[in-house]
Amino acid sequence: MKVKFCGLKKQSEVEFASEMGCFAVGFVLVPGSRREVDLMQAKNLTKFAQSLDLTSVILVADADTGYVDKIIQSCEPDIIQFHGQESAEFCHQFDYPYWKAVPMLTVDNWLNYVAQYKSANHLLLDAYGGKQSGGSGQVFDWFRVPSKLRKKLILAGGLTVSNVAQAVSKTGIEFIDVSSGIEQTPGVKSQVLMQRFMHALTKNTKKYDPKI
C-alpha cells in the first residue's frame, strides 16, 4: 500500500510524512487554495522531500503552459499532478512524468476518461468536478475497480481515519491520497491525524484480500 500526503506546507510536515512511511508528498501551486505555497516554497519543499527519498508531487489546476514549464525548470519535482480540466494533449506536451486527476463528480464515463491519458504515470480518482476542485473532504461512490487498473489508479476524495479501510476494501486500490482527512482545520495539517490515518490504514487493511 502506498500513501501520499497532499497539501503540505512545512518541512516539519514533510519530515513527519517520511517518518510515517509515506511514499509521496504533494505541494499545491493553485492560486486561492487554502493549501497554496509559492514557487520558492515549492522548490524548497521539493528538494527537502527528495532528500528523504519521498516522491515529490507538485499539483496545478488549469495553469498555462508557461507556468508549468517554470515549475518544472525551477522545482524539478518527480511528478506534476494536473488537477483541472487539462486535456491529454496538454499534459503530454511537457514530456515530463505526470499524474492526472479524474473529476468523479462530473465525468460521465470514468473509464473512457482514463483511457485518454495513456501517457500518465497514474490517474487519481478524486471527488471533484463542477464547483469542487478537490480537497473538499467530499467522497464519491466507491466501487470495485478493474484489477488491470489497480496499479495505475490512486484513490482520493474525502478519505479519513474512519473510512480509509472501508475505501480500500471496497475499491481494491493500492495507492491512497489524503489531504483534508489529516487536517485539524482547513489547510492546517495535524500530526496526530497523520499518525492515526496511517495506523488505521495499516492495521485494518491487512484483513482484506485484494483478490476478492
N, C-alpha and C. Protein backbone atom coordinates (compact mmCIF):
# COMPACT_ATOMS: atom_id res chain seq x y z
N MET A 1 0.84 -1.19 0.00
CA MET A 1 0.00 0.00 0.00
C MET A 1 0.88 1.25 0.00
N LYS A 2 0.60 2.16 -0.94
CA LYS A 2 1.33 3.43 -1.00
C LYS A 2 0.41 4.56 -0.55
N VAL A 3 1.01 5.56 0.10
CA VAL A 3 0.25 6.70 0.59
C VAL A 3 0.93 7.99 0.20
N LYS A 4 0.11 8.96 -0.23
CA LYS A 4 0.60 10.32 -0.47
C LYS A 4 -0.14 11.27 0.46
N PHE A 5 0.61 12.06 1.21
CA PHE A 5 0.05 13.17 1.97
C PHE A 5 0.13 14.40 1.07
N CYS A 6 -1.00 15.04 0.82
CA CYS A 6 -1.02 16.17 -0.11
C CYS A 6 -1.37 17.47 0.62
N GLY A 7 -0.93 18.58 0.02
CA GLY A 7 -1.21 19.89 0.57
C GLY A 7 -0.32 20.27 1.74
N LEU A 8 0.89 19.72 1.78
CA LEU A 8 1.82 20.06 2.86
C LEU A 8 2.45 21.43 2.60
N LYS A 9 2.75 22.15 3.69
CA LYS A 9 3.29 23.50 3.55
C LYS A 9 4.55 23.74 4.37
N LYS A 10 4.94 22.76 5.20
CA LYS A 10 6.09 22.94 6.07
C LYS A 10 7.04 21.75 5.97
N GLN A 11 8.33 22.02 6.19
CA GLN A 11 9.30 20.93 6.19
C GLN A 11 9.02 19.94 7.30
N SER A 12 8.51 20.42 8.43
CA SER A 12 8.20 19.51 9.53
C SER A 12 7.11 18.52 9.14
N GLU A 13 6.17 18.95 8.30
CA GLU A 13 5.12 18.05 7.82
C GLU A 13 5.69 17.01 6.87
N VAL A 14 6.60 17.45 6.02
CA VAL A 14 7.25 16.53 5.08
C VAL A 14 8.06 15.49 5.85
N GLU A 15 8.79 15.95 6.84
CA GLU A 15 9.62 15.04 7.63
C GLU A 15 8.75 14.02 8.36
N PHE A 16 7.62 14.47 8.89
CA PHE A 16 6.73 13.55 9.60
C PHE A 16 6.10 12.55 8.64
N ALA A 17 5.77 13.00 7.43
CA ALA A 17 5.24 12.10 6.41
C ALA A 17 6.23 10.99 6.11
N SER A 18 7.51 11.35 6.06
CA SER A 18 8.55 10.35 5.84
C SER A 18 8.59 9.37 7.01
N GLU A 19 8.52 9.89 8.22
CA GLU A 19 8.55 9.03 9.40
C GLU A 19 7.35 8.08 9.44
N MET A 20 6.23 8.51 8.90
CA MET A 20 5.02 7.70 8.88
C MET A 20 5.02 6.65 7.77
N GLY A 21 6.04 6.69 6.91
CA GLY A 21 6.14 5.70 5.85
C GLY A 21 5.44 6.05 4.56
N CYS A 22 5.18 7.33 4.34
CA CYS A 22 4.55 7.75 3.09
C CYS A 22 5.47 7.48 1.91
N PHE A 23 4.86 7.27 0.76
CA PHE A 23 5.58 7.10 -0.49
C PHE A 23 5.80 8.46 -1.16
N ALA A 24 4.80 9.34 -1.05
CA ALA A 24 4.85 10.62 -1.77
C ALA A 24 4.26 11.73 -0.92
N VAL A 25 4.65 12.96 -1.25
CA VAL A 25 4.07 14.16 -0.64
C VAL A 25 3.74 15.14 -1.76
N GLY A 26 2.69 15.93 -1.54
CA GLY A 26 2.24 16.85 -2.57
C GLY A 26 2.21 18.29 -2.10
N PHE A 27 2.56 19.19 -3.02
CA PHE A 27 2.59 20.63 -2.75
C PHE A 27 1.70 21.32 -3.78
N VAL A 28 0.83 22.20 -3.30
CA VAL A 28 -0.21 22.79 -4.13
C VAL A 28 0.21 24.17 -4.64
N LEU A 29 0.24 24.31 -5.94
CA LEU A 29 0.50 25.60 -6.58
C LEU A 29 -0.74 26.02 -7.36
N VAL A 30 -1.83 26.17 -6.63
CA VAL A 30 -3.11 26.59 -7.20
C VAL A 30 -3.53 27.88 -6.50
N PRO A 31 -3.59 28.99 -7.21
CA PRO A 31 -3.96 30.27 -6.60
C PRO A 31 -5.30 30.19 -5.88
N GLY A 32 -5.32 30.70 -4.66
CA GLY A 32 -6.57 30.72 -3.90
C GLY A 32 -6.81 29.50 -3.04
N SER A 33 -6.03 28.44 -3.24
CA SER A 33 -6.20 27.24 -2.43
C SER A 33 -5.75 27.51 -1.00
N ARG A 34 -6.43 26.90 -0.03
CA ARG A 34 -6.03 27.03 1.37
C ARG A 34 -4.70 26.33 1.63
N ARG A 35 -4.27 25.51 0.68
CA ARG A 35 -3.02 24.76 0.84
C ARG A 35 -1.93 25.29 -0.09
N GLU A 36 -2.16 26.46 -0.67
CA GLU A 36 -1.22 27.01 -1.65
C GLU A 36 0.12 27.38 -1.03
N VAL A 37 1.19 27.04 -1.74
CA VAL A 37 2.52 27.54 -1.44
C VAL A 37 3.02 28.29 -2.66
N ASP A 38 4.00 29.16 -2.47
CA ASP A 38 4.54 29.88 -3.63
C ASP A 38 5.65 29.06 -4.27
N LEU A 39 6.16 29.56 -5.37
CA LEU A 39 7.13 28.81 -6.16
C LEU A 39 8.40 28.52 -5.37
N MET A 40 8.88 29.48 -4.60
CA MET A 40 10.10 29.26 -3.83
C MET A 40 9.86 28.24 -2.72
N GLN A 41 8.72 28.32 -2.06
CA GLN A 41 8.39 27.32 -1.04
C GLN A 41 8.31 25.93 -1.67
N ALA A 42 7.68 25.86 -2.82
CA ALA A 42 7.54 24.57 -3.50
C ALA A 42 8.91 24.00 -3.86
N LYS A 43 9.80 24.86 -4.31
CA LYS A 43 11.15 24.41 -4.66
C LYS A 43 11.87 23.85 -3.43
N ASN A 44 11.81 24.59 -2.33
CA ASN A 44 12.50 24.15 -1.12
C ASN A 44 11.89 22.87 -0.55
N LEU A 45 10.57 22.79 -0.56
CA LEU A 45 9.90 21.60 -0.05
C LEU A 45 10.17 20.39 -0.92
N THR A 46 10.23 20.62 -2.22
CA THR A 46 10.52 19.53 -3.16
C THR A 46 11.91 18.96 -2.91
N LYS A 47 12.89 19.82 -2.80
CA LYS A 47 14.26 19.37 -2.56
C LYS A 47 14.38 18.64 -1.23
N PHE A 48 13.68 19.15 -0.22
CA PHE A 48 13.73 18.51 1.09
C PHE A 48 13.09 17.12 1.03
N ALA A 49 11.95 17.03 0.37
CA ALA A 49 11.27 15.73 0.22
C ALA A 49 12.16 14.73 -0.51
N GLN A 50 12.79 15.17 -1.57
CA GLN A 50 13.66 14.28 -2.34
C GLN A 50 14.86 13.83 -1.52
N SER A 51 15.33 14.69 -0.62
CA SER A 51 16.46 14.30 0.24
C SER A 51 16.06 13.20 1.22
N LEU A 52 14.75 13.04 1.45
CA LEU A 52 14.23 12.00 2.33
C LEU A 52 13.73 10.79 1.54
N ASP A 53 14.03 10.77 0.24
CA ASP A 53 13.61 9.69 -0.65
C ASP A 53 12.10 9.59 -0.79
N LEU A 54 11.42 10.71 -0.64
CA LEU A 54 9.99 10.78 -0.91
C LEU A 54 9.76 11.23 -2.35
N THR A 55 8.75 10.68 -2.99
CA THR A 55 8.37 11.16 -4.30
C THR A 55 7.68 12.51 -4.14
N SER A 56 8.20 13.52 -4.83
CA SER A 56 7.67 14.88 -4.71
C SER A 56 6.70 15.17 -5.86
N VAL A 57 5.53 15.67 -5.49
CA VAL A 57 4.47 15.93 -6.46
C VAL A 57 4.04 17.38 -6.33
N ILE A 58 4.03 18.11 -7.43
CA ILE A 58 3.51 19.47 -7.43
C ILE A 58 2.20 19.49 -8.18
N LEU A 59 1.17 20.00 -7.51
CA LEU A 59 -0.19 20.00 -8.05
C LEU A 59 -0.52 21.35 -8.66
N VAL A 60 -1.05 21.32 -9.89
CA VAL A 60 -1.53 22.52 -10.57
C VAL A 60 -2.93 22.24 -11.09
N ALA A 61 -3.66 23.30 -11.36
CA ALA A 61 -5.01 23.15 -11.91
C ALA A 61 -5.26 24.23 -12.95
N ASP A 62 -5.33 23.81 -14.20
CA ASP A 62 -5.61 24.71 -15.33
C ASP A 62 -4.59 25.84 -15.43
N ALA A 63 -3.36 25.53 -15.10
CA ALA A 63 -2.28 26.50 -15.27
C ALA A 63 -1.91 26.61 -16.74
N ASP A 64 -1.34 27.74 -17.14
CA ASP A 64 -0.93 27.87 -18.53
C ASP A 64 0.41 27.17 -18.76
N THR A 65 0.74 26.96 -20.01
CA THR A 65 1.94 26.21 -20.38
C THR A 65 3.20 26.83 -19.81
N GLY A 66 3.28 28.16 -19.87
CA GLY A 66 4.47 28.84 -19.39
C GLY A 66 4.69 28.63 -17.91
N TYR A 67 3.63 28.62 -17.14
CA TYR A 67 3.76 28.44 -15.69
C TYR A 67 4.18 27.01 -15.35
N VAL A 68 3.63 26.04 -16.06
CA VAL A 68 4.02 24.65 -15.83
C VAL A 68 5.50 24.47 -16.17
N ASP A 69 5.93 25.05 -17.28
CA ASP A 69 7.35 24.98 -17.65
C ASP A 69 8.23 25.61 -16.57
N LYS A 70 7.77 26.72 -16.00
CA LYS A 70 8.53 27.41 -14.96
C LYS A 70 8.65 26.54 -13.71
N ILE A 71 7.57 25.86 -13.36
CA ILE A 71 7.58 24.96 -12.20
C ILE A 71 8.57 23.82 -12.42
N ILE A 72 8.53 23.24 -13.60
CA ILE A 72 9.42 22.12 -13.90
C ILE A 72 10.87 22.55 -13.84
N GLN A 73 11.19 23.69 -14.45
CA GLN A 73 12.56 24.16 -14.50
C GLN A 73 13.07 24.60 -13.14
N SER A 74 12.21 25.23 -12.36
CA SER A 74 12.63 25.77 -11.07
C SER A 74 12.66 24.71 -9.97
N CYS A 75 11.62 23.89 -9.91
CA CYS A 75 11.45 22.97 -8.77
C CYS A 75 11.93 21.55 -9.06
N GLU A 76 11.89 21.13 -10.31
CA GLU A 76 12.28 19.77 -10.70
C GLU A 76 11.62 18.70 -9.82
N PRO A 77 10.29 18.73 -9.71
CA PRO A 77 9.61 17.69 -8.92
C PRO A 77 9.68 16.35 -9.63
N ASP A 78 9.40 15.30 -8.90
CA ASP A 78 9.34 13.98 -9.55
C ASP A 78 8.12 13.86 -10.43
N ILE A 79 7.02 14.50 -10.02
CA ILE A 79 5.75 14.39 -10.71
C ILE A 79 5.05 15.74 -10.76
N ILE A 80 4.40 16.03 -11.89
CA ILE A 80 3.44 17.13 -11.97
C ILE A 80 2.05 16.49 -11.93
N GLN A 81 1.20 16.97 -11.03
CA GLN A 81 -0.17 16.46 -10.94
C GLN A 81 -1.12 17.49 -11.51
N PHE A 82 -1.79 17.14 -12.60
CA PHE A 82 -2.76 18.04 -13.23
C PHE A 82 -4.12 17.77 -12.62
N HIS A 83 -4.69 18.81 -12.00
CA HIS A 83 -5.91 18.61 -11.21
C HIS A 83 -7.05 19.50 -11.70
N GLY A 84 -7.01 19.85 -12.99
CA GLY A 84 -8.07 20.67 -13.55
C GLY A 84 -8.72 19.99 -14.74
N GLN A 85 -9.00 20.78 -15.75
CA GLN A 85 -9.65 20.27 -16.96
C GLN A 85 -8.64 20.07 -18.10
N GLU A 86 -7.39 19.85 -17.76
CA GLU A 86 -6.34 19.71 -18.77
C GLU A 86 -6.60 18.51 -19.69
N SER A 87 -6.40 18.71 -20.96
CA SER A 87 -6.55 17.62 -21.92
C SER A 87 -5.34 16.72 -21.88
N ALA A 88 -5.48 15.55 -22.48
CA ALA A 88 -4.35 14.62 -22.56
C ALA A 88 -3.20 15.25 -23.34
N GLU A 89 -3.54 15.99 -24.39
CA GLU A 89 -2.51 16.63 -25.20
C GLU A 89 -1.74 17.67 -24.40
N PHE A 90 -2.46 18.42 -23.58
CA PHE A 90 -1.81 19.43 -22.76
C PHE A 90 -0.84 18.78 -21.78
N CYS A 91 -1.28 17.73 -21.10
CA CYS A 91 -0.44 17.08 -20.10
C CYS A 91 0.79 16.43 -20.72
N HIS A 92 0.62 15.88 -21.91
CA HIS A 92 1.69 15.12 -22.55
C HIS A 92 2.78 16.03 -23.14
N GLN A 93 2.44 17.26 -23.46
CA GLN A 93 3.35 18.13 -24.21
C GLN A 93 4.65 18.43 -23.47
N PHE A 94 4.66 18.31 -22.15
CA PHE A 94 5.84 18.68 -21.38
C PHE A 94 6.89 17.58 -21.35
N ASP A 95 6.52 16.39 -21.81
CA ASP A 95 7.43 15.25 -21.81
C ASP A 95 8.03 15.07 -20.41
N TYR A 96 7.15 15.07 -19.42
CA TYR A 96 7.55 15.03 -18.01
C TYR A 96 6.59 14.09 -17.28
N PRO A 97 7.08 13.34 -16.30
CA PRO A 97 6.19 12.41 -15.58
C PRO A 97 5.01 13.15 -14.95
N TYR A 98 3.81 12.63 -15.17
CA TYR A 98 2.64 13.32 -14.62
C TYR A 98 1.56 12.36 -14.17
N TRP A 99 0.75 12.86 -13.23
CA TRP A 99 -0.49 12.21 -12.82
C TRP A 99 -1.64 13.11 -13.25
N LYS A 100 -2.78 12.49 -13.53
CA LYS A 100 -3.97 13.29 -13.89
C LYS A 100 -5.13 12.90 -12.98
N ALA A 101 -5.75 13.91 -12.37
CA ALA A 101 -6.92 13.67 -11.54
C ALA A 101 -8.16 13.49 -12.41
N VAL A 102 -9.02 12.57 -11.99
CA VAL A 102 -10.28 12.29 -12.70
C VAL A 102 -11.42 12.90 -11.90
N PRO A 103 -12.20 13.82 -12.51
CA PRO A 103 -13.28 14.51 -11.78
C PRO A 103 -14.50 13.61 -11.62
N MET A 104 -14.50 12.79 -10.58
CA MET A 104 -15.51 11.75 -10.43
C MET A 104 -16.92 12.30 -10.18
N LEU A 105 -17.04 13.56 -9.77
CA LEU A 105 -18.37 14.13 -9.52
C LEU A 105 -19.07 14.55 -10.80
N THR A 106 -18.32 14.70 -11.89
CA THR A 106 -18.94 15.19 -13.12
C THR A 106 -18.67 14.33 -14.35
N VAL A 107 -17.66 13.47 -14.31
CA VAL A 107 -17.31 12.70 -15.50
C VAL A 107 -18.41 11.67 -15.79
N ASP A 108 -18.79 11.55 -17.07
CA ASP A 108 -19.86 10.62 -17.46
C ASP A 108 -19.38 9.18 -17.45
N ASN A 109 -18.20 8.96 -17.98
CA ASN A 109 -17.66 7.60 -18.05
C ASN A 109 -16.19 7.65 -17.66
N TRP A 110 -15.90 7.27 -16.42
CA TRP A 110 -14.54 7.43 -15.93
C TRP A 110 -13.55 6.55 -16.67
N LEU A 111 -13.98 5.39 -17.13
CA LEU A 111 -13.08 4.51 -17.88
C LEU A 111 -12.66 5.15 -19.20
N ASN A 112 -13.60 5.78 -19.88
CA ASN A 112 -13.26 6.48 -21.12
C ASN A 112 -12.33 7.66 -20.84
N TYR A 113 -12.57 8.33 -19.72
CA TYR A 113 -11.72 9.45 -19.34
C TYR A 113 -10.29 8.98 -19.10
N VAL A 114 -10.15 7.92 -18.32
CA VAL A 114 -8.84 7.37 -18.00
C VAL A 114 -8.11 6.93 -19.27
N ALA A 115 -8.84 6.34 -20.20
CA ALA A 115 -8.23 5.82 -21.43
C ALA A 115 -7.57 6.90 -22.27
N GLN A 116 -8.01 8.15 -22.09
CA GLN A 116 -7.43 9.24 -22.88
C GLN A 116 -5.99 9.56 -22.46
N TYR A 117 -5.67 9.28 -21.18
CA TYR A 117 -4.40 9.71 -20.63
C TYR A 117 -3.42 8.54 -20.54
N LYS A 118 -3.13 7.99 -21.70
CA LYS A 118 -2.27 6.80 -21.77
C LYS A 118 -0.85 7.08 -21.29
N SER A 119 -0.38 8.32 -21.39
CA SER A 119 0.99 8.64 -21.01
C SER A 119 1.13 8.99 -19.53
N ALA A 120 0.02 9.03 -18.79
CA ALA A 120 0.07 9.36 -17.36
C ALA A 120 0.68 8.21 -16.57
N ASN A 121 1.51 8.54 -15.60
CA ASN A 121 2.06 7.51 -14.72
C ASN A 121 0.98 6.93 -13.83
N HIS A 122 0.11 7.80 -13.33
CA HIS A 122 -1.03 7.38 -12.52
C HIS A 122 -2.21 8.30 -12.81
N LEU A 123 -3.41 7.79 -12.53
CA LEU A 123 -4.62 8.60 -12.56
C LEU A 123 -5.28 8.55 -11.20
N LEU A 124 -5.71 9.70 -10.74
CA LEU A 124 -6.18 9.86 -9.38
C LEU A 124 -7.70 10.07 -9.39
N LEU A 125 -8.43 9.10 -8.84
CA LEU A 125 -9.88 9.21 -8.75
C LEU A 125 -10.22 10.10 -7.57
N ASP A 126 -10.74 11.31 -7.84
CA ASP A 126 -10.97 12.27 -6.78
C ASP A 126 -12.38 12.83 -6.85
N ALA A 127 -12.87 13.27 -5.69
CA ALA A 127 -14.23 13.82 -5.61
C ALA A 127 -14.19 15.29 -5.95
N TYR A 128 -14.03 15.58 -7.23
CA TYR A 128 -14.11 16.96 -7.65
C TYR A 128 -14.80 17.02 -9.01
N GLY A 129 -15.14 18.23 -9.39
CA GLY A 129 -15.90 18.44 -10.62
C GLY A 129 -16.93 19.51 -10.34
N GLY A 130 -17.36 20.22 -11.35
CA GLY A 130 -18.31 21.30 -11.14
C GLY A 130 -17.64 22.41 -10.35
N LYS A 131 -18.21 22.75 -9.18
CA LYS A 131 -17.67 23.82 -8.35
C LYS A 131 -16.62 23.30 -7.37
N GLN A 132 -16.41 21.99 -7.34
CA GLN A 132 -15.43 21.41 -6.44
C GLN A 132 -14.11 21.22 -7.16
N SER A 133 -13.01 21.62 -6.51
CA SER A 133 -11.70 21.48 -7.14
C SER A 133 -10.78 20.53 -6.40
N GLY A 134 -11.35 19.76 -5.48
CA GLY A 134 -10.54 18.84 -4.69
C GLY A 134 -10.23 19.40 -3.32
N GLY A 135 -9.87 18.50 -2.40
CA GLY A 135 -9.54 18.94 -1.06
C GLY A 135 -10.74 19.38 -0.25
N SER A 136 -11.94 19.00 -0.68
CA SER A 136 -13.16 19.45 0.00
C SER A 136 -13.60 18.51 1.11
N GLY A 137 -13.02 17.31 1.15
CA GLY A 137 -13.45 16.33 2.13
C GLY A 137 -14.65 15.53 1.67
N GLN A 138 -15.08 15.77 0.45
CA GLN A 138 -16.23 15.06 -0.09
C GLN A 138 -15.80 13.75 -0.74
N VAL A 139 -16.66 12.73 -0.66
CA VAL A 139 -16.36 11.44 -1.28
C VAL A 139 -17.26 11.22 -2.47
N PHE A 140 -16.84 10.32 -3.35
CA PHE A 140 -17.74 9.86 -4.41
C PHE A 140 -18.12 8.42 -4.06
N ASP A 141 -19.05 7.85 -4.80
CA ASP A 141 -19.49 6.49 -4.52
C ASP A 141 -18.40 5.50 -4.91
N TRP A 142 -17.87 4.80 -3.93
CA TRP A 142 -16.80 3.85 -4.20
C TRP A 142 -17.33 2.61 -4.92
N PHE A 143 -16.47 1.98 -5.68
CA PHE A 143 -16.83 0.78 -6.43
C PHE A 143 -15.57 -0.05 -6.64
N ARG A 144 -15.77 -1.31 -6.97
CA ARG A 144 -14.63 -2.20 -7.21
C ARG A 144 -13.99 -1.84 -8.55
N VAL A 145 -12.72 -1.46 -8.53
CA VAL A 145 -12.07 -1.07 -9.77
C VAL A 145 -11.55 -2.31 -10.49
N PRO A 146 -11.48 -2.29 -11.81
CA PRO A 146 -10.96 -3.44 -12.55
C PRO A 146 -9.54 -3.77 -12.11
N SER A 147 -9.27 -5.04 -11.93
CA SER A 147 -7.96 -5.47 -11.42
C SER A 147 -6.82 -4.99 -12.30
N LYS A 148 -7.05 -4.90 -13.61
CA LYS A 148 -5.98 -4.49 -14.52
C LYS A 148 -5.59 -3.02 -14.34
N LEU A 149 -6.44 -2.24 -13.66
CA LEU A 149 -6.16 -0.81 -13.47
C LEU A 149 -5.68 -0.47 -12.07
N ARG A 150 -5.64 -1.43 -11.18
CA ARG A 150 -5.35 -1.12 -9.78
C ARG A 150 -3.95 -0.54 -9.57
N LYS A 151 -2.99 -0.95 -10.37
CA LYS A 151 -1.63 -0.43 -10.24
C LYS A 151 -1.53 0.99 -10.80
N LYS A 152 -2.49 1.35 -11.62
CA LYS A 152 -2.45 2.65 -12.31
C LYS A 152 -3.21 3.74 -11.55
N LEU A 153 -4.15 3.32 -10.70
CA LEU A 153 -5.06 4.28 -10.08
C LEU A 153 -4.67 4.64 -8.65
N ILE A 154 -5.02 5.86 -8.27
CA ILE A 154 -4.86 6.36 -6.91
C ILE A 154 -6.24 6.78 -6.42
N LEU A 155 -6.57 6.44 -5.19
CA LEU A 155 -7.87 6.81 -4.63
C LEU A 155 -7.73 8.04 -3.75
N ALA A 156 -8.58 9.04 -3.99
CA ALA A 156 -8.58 10.27 -3.19
C ALA A 156 -10.03 10.69 -2.97
N GLY A 157 -10.19 11.79 -2.24
CA GLY A 157 -11.51 12.34 -2.06
C GLY A 157 -12.18 11.95 -0.76
N GLY A 158 -12.04 12.77 0.26
CA GLY A 158 -12.76 12.58 1.50
C GLY A 158 -12.31 11.41 2.35
N LEU A 159 -11.10 10.93 2.15
CA LEU A 159 -10.60 9.82 2.95
C LEU A 159 -10.22 10.30 4.35
N THR A 160 -10.61 9.54 5.36
CA THR A 160 -10.37 9.90 6.75
C THR A 160 -9.94 8.67 7.54
N VAL A 161 -9.61 8.90 8.80
CA VAL A 161 -9.26 7.80 9.70
C VAL A 161 -10.39 6.78 9.75
N SER A 162 -11.62 7.25 9.76
CA SER A 162 -12.77 6.37 9.96
C SER A 162 -13.21 5.61 8.71
N ASN A 163 -12.82 6.08 7.53
CA ASN A 163 -13.34 5.41 6.33
C ASN A 163 -12.28 4.83 5.41
N VAL A 164 -11.00 5.04 5.68
CA VAL A 164 -9.97 4.64 4.72
C VAL A 164 -9.92 3.12 4.54
N ALA A 165 -10.08 2.36 5.62
CA ALA A 165 -10.05 0.91 5.50
C ALA A 165 -11.21 0.41 4.64
N GLN A 166 -12.38 0.98 4.85
CA GLN A 166 -13.54 0.61 4.05
C GLN A 166 -13.33 0.97 2.58
N ALA A 167 -12.73 2.13 2.34
CA ALA A 167 -12.48 2.57 0.96
C ALA A 167 -11.56 1.60 0.23
N VAL A 168 -10.49 1.19 0.90
CA VAL A 168 -9.55 0.25 0.29
C VAL A 168 -10.21 -1.10 0.06
N SER A 169 -11.00 -1.55 1.05
CA SER A 169 -11.68 -2.83 0.93
C SER A 169 -12.64 -2.85 -0.25
N LYS A 170 -13.38 -1.77 -0.41
CA LYS A 170 -14.41 -1.73 -1.46
C LYS A 170 -13.82 -1.56 -2.85
N THR A 171 -12.76 -0.76 -2.97
CA THR A 171 -12.21 -0.46 -4.29
C THR A 171 -11.11 -1.42 -4.74
N GLY A 172 -10.32 -1.90 -3.78
CA GLY A 172 -9.18 -2.73 -4.13
C GLY A 172 -7.96 -1.95 -4.55
N ILE A 173 -8.05 -0.63 -4.49
CA ILE A 173 -6.93 0.23 -4.89
C ILE A 173 -5.79 0.13 -3.88
N GLU A 174 -4.55 0.23 -4.38
CA GLU A 174 -3.37 0.04 -3.55
C GLU A 174 -2.56 1.31 -3.36
N PHE A 175 -3.13 2.45 -3.72
CA PHE A 175 -2.45 3.74 -3.60
C PHE A 175 -3.48 4.76 -3.12
N ILE A 176 -3.19 5.42 -2.00
CA ILE A 176 -4.13 6.33 -1.35
C ILE A 176 -3.55 7.75 -1.30
N ASP A 177 -4.40 8.74 -1.55
CA ASP A 177 -4.00 10.14 -1.46
C ASP A 177 -4.94 10.84 -0.48
N VAL A 178 -4.37 11.52 0.52
CA VAL A 178 -5.20 12.18 1.53
C VAL A 178 -4.71 13.60 1.76
N SER A 179 -5.66 14.51 1.97
CA SER A 179 -5.32 15.90 2.27
C SER A 179 -6.19 16.41 3.42
N SER A 180 -7.47 16.66 3.16
CA SER A 180 -8.34 17.20 4.21
C SER A 180 -8.50 16.25 5.38
N GLY A 181 -8.36 14.95 5.14
CA GLY A 181 -8.55 13.95 6.18
C GLY A 181 -7.45 13.93 7.23
N ILE A 182 -6.39 14.68 7.02
CA ILE A 182 -5.31 14.76 8.01
C ILE A 182 -5.12 16.21 8.47
N GLU A 183 -6.20 16.98 8.42
CA GLU A 183 -6.15 18.39 8.82
C GLU A 183 -7.00 18.65 10.06
N GLN A 184 -6.46 19.46 10.97
CA GLN A 184 -7.22 19.84 12.16
C GLN A 184 -8.20 20.95 11.85
N THR A 185 -7.83 21.84 10.93
CA THR A 185 -8.71 22.85 10.36
C THR A 185 -8.33 22.94 8.88
N PRO A 186 -9.21 23.48 8.02
CA PRO A 186 -8.92 23.52 6.59
C PRO A 186 -7.56 24.14 6.27
N GLY A 187 -6.69 23.35 5.66
CA GLY A 187 -5.37 23.82 5.25
C GLY A 187 -4.29 23.66 6.30
N VAL A 188 -4.65 23.21 7.51
CA VAL A 188 -3.67 23.06 8.60
C VAL A 188 -3.55 21.59 8.96
N LYS A 189 -2.39 21.00 8.68
CA LYS A 189 -2.18 19.58 8.92
C LYS A 189 -2.00 19.27 10.40
N SER A 190 -2.37 18.05 10.78
CA SER A 190 -2.27 17.58 12.15
C SER A 190 -1.42 16.31 12.19
N GLN A 191 -0.33 16.34 12.95
CA GLN A 191 0.50 15.14 13.07
C GLN A 191 -0.28 14.01 13.74
N VAL A 192 -1.17 14.36 14.67
CA VAL A 192 -1.99 13.34 15.33
C VAL A 192 -2.85 12.62 14.30
N LEU A 193 -3.51 13.37 13.42
CA LEU A 193 -4.36 12.75 12.40
C LEU A 193 -3.54 12.01 11.36
N MET A 194 -2.36 12.52 11.02
CA MET A 194 -1.48 11.80 10.11
C MET A 194 -1.16 10.42 10.68
N GLN A 195 -0.80 10.40 11.94
CA GLN A 195 -0.43 9.14 12.58
C GLN A 195 -1.63 8.20 12.69
N ARG A 196 -2.77 8.74 13.08
CA ARG A 196 -3.97 7.92 13.20
C ARG A 196 -4.42 7.37 11.85
N PHE A 197 -4.26 8.18 10.80
CA PHE A 197 -4.63 7.74 9.45
C PHE A 197 -3.78 6.55 9.02
N MET A 198 -2.48 6.66 9.21
CA MET A 198 -1.59 5.57 8.81
C MET A 198 -1.83 4.32 9.65
N HIS A 199 -2.13 4.52 10.92
CA HIS A 199 -2.42 3.38 11.78
C HIS A 199 -3.69 2.67 11.32
N ALA A 200 -4.73 3.46 11.02
CA ALA A 200 -5.99 2.89 10.56
C ALA A 200 -5.80 2.12 9.26
N LEU A 201 -4.97 2.66 8.39
CA LEU A 201 -4.73 2.01 7.10
C LEU A 201 -3.96 0.71 7.25
N THR A 202 -2.86 0.75 7.97
CA THR A 202 -2.01 -0.44 8.08
C THR A 202 -2.62 -1.51 8.96
N LYS A 203 -3.36 -1.10 9.98
CA LYS A 203 -3.97 -2.07 10.90
C LYS A 203 -5.16 -2.76 10.28
N ASN A 204 -6.03 -1.99 9.62
CA ASN A 204 -7.31 -2.53 9.18
C ASN A 204 -7.31 -3.13 7.79
N THR A 205 -6.36 -2.73 6.94
CA THR A 205 -6.37 -3.27 5.59
C THR A 205 -5.70 -4.63 5.49
N LYS A 206 -4.99 -5.06 6.53
CA LYS A 206 -4.32 -6.36 6.48
C LYS A 206 -5.32 -7.50 6.36
N LYS A 207 -6.52 -7.31 6.89
CA LYS A 207 -7.51 -8.40 6.87
C LYS A 207 -8.26 -8.48 5.56
N TYR A 208 -8.01 -7.51 4.64
CA TYR A 208 -8.71 -7.51 3.37
C TYR A 208 -7.87 -8.17 2.29
N ASP A 209 -8.51 -9.02 1.53
CA ASP A 209 -7.83 -9.70 0.44
C ASP A 209 -8.10 -8.95 -0.86
N PRO A 210 -7.09 -8.35 -1.47
CA PRO A 210 -7.32 -7.56 -2.70
C PRO A 210 -7.78 -8.41 -3.87
N LYS A 211 -7.72 -9.72 -3.75
CA LYS A 211 -8.16 -10.60 -4.84
C LYS A 211 -9.67 -10.82 -4.84
N ILE A 212 -10.33 -10.43 -3.74
CA ILE A 212 -11.78 -10.66 -3.65
C ILE A 212 -12.50 -9.87 -4.74
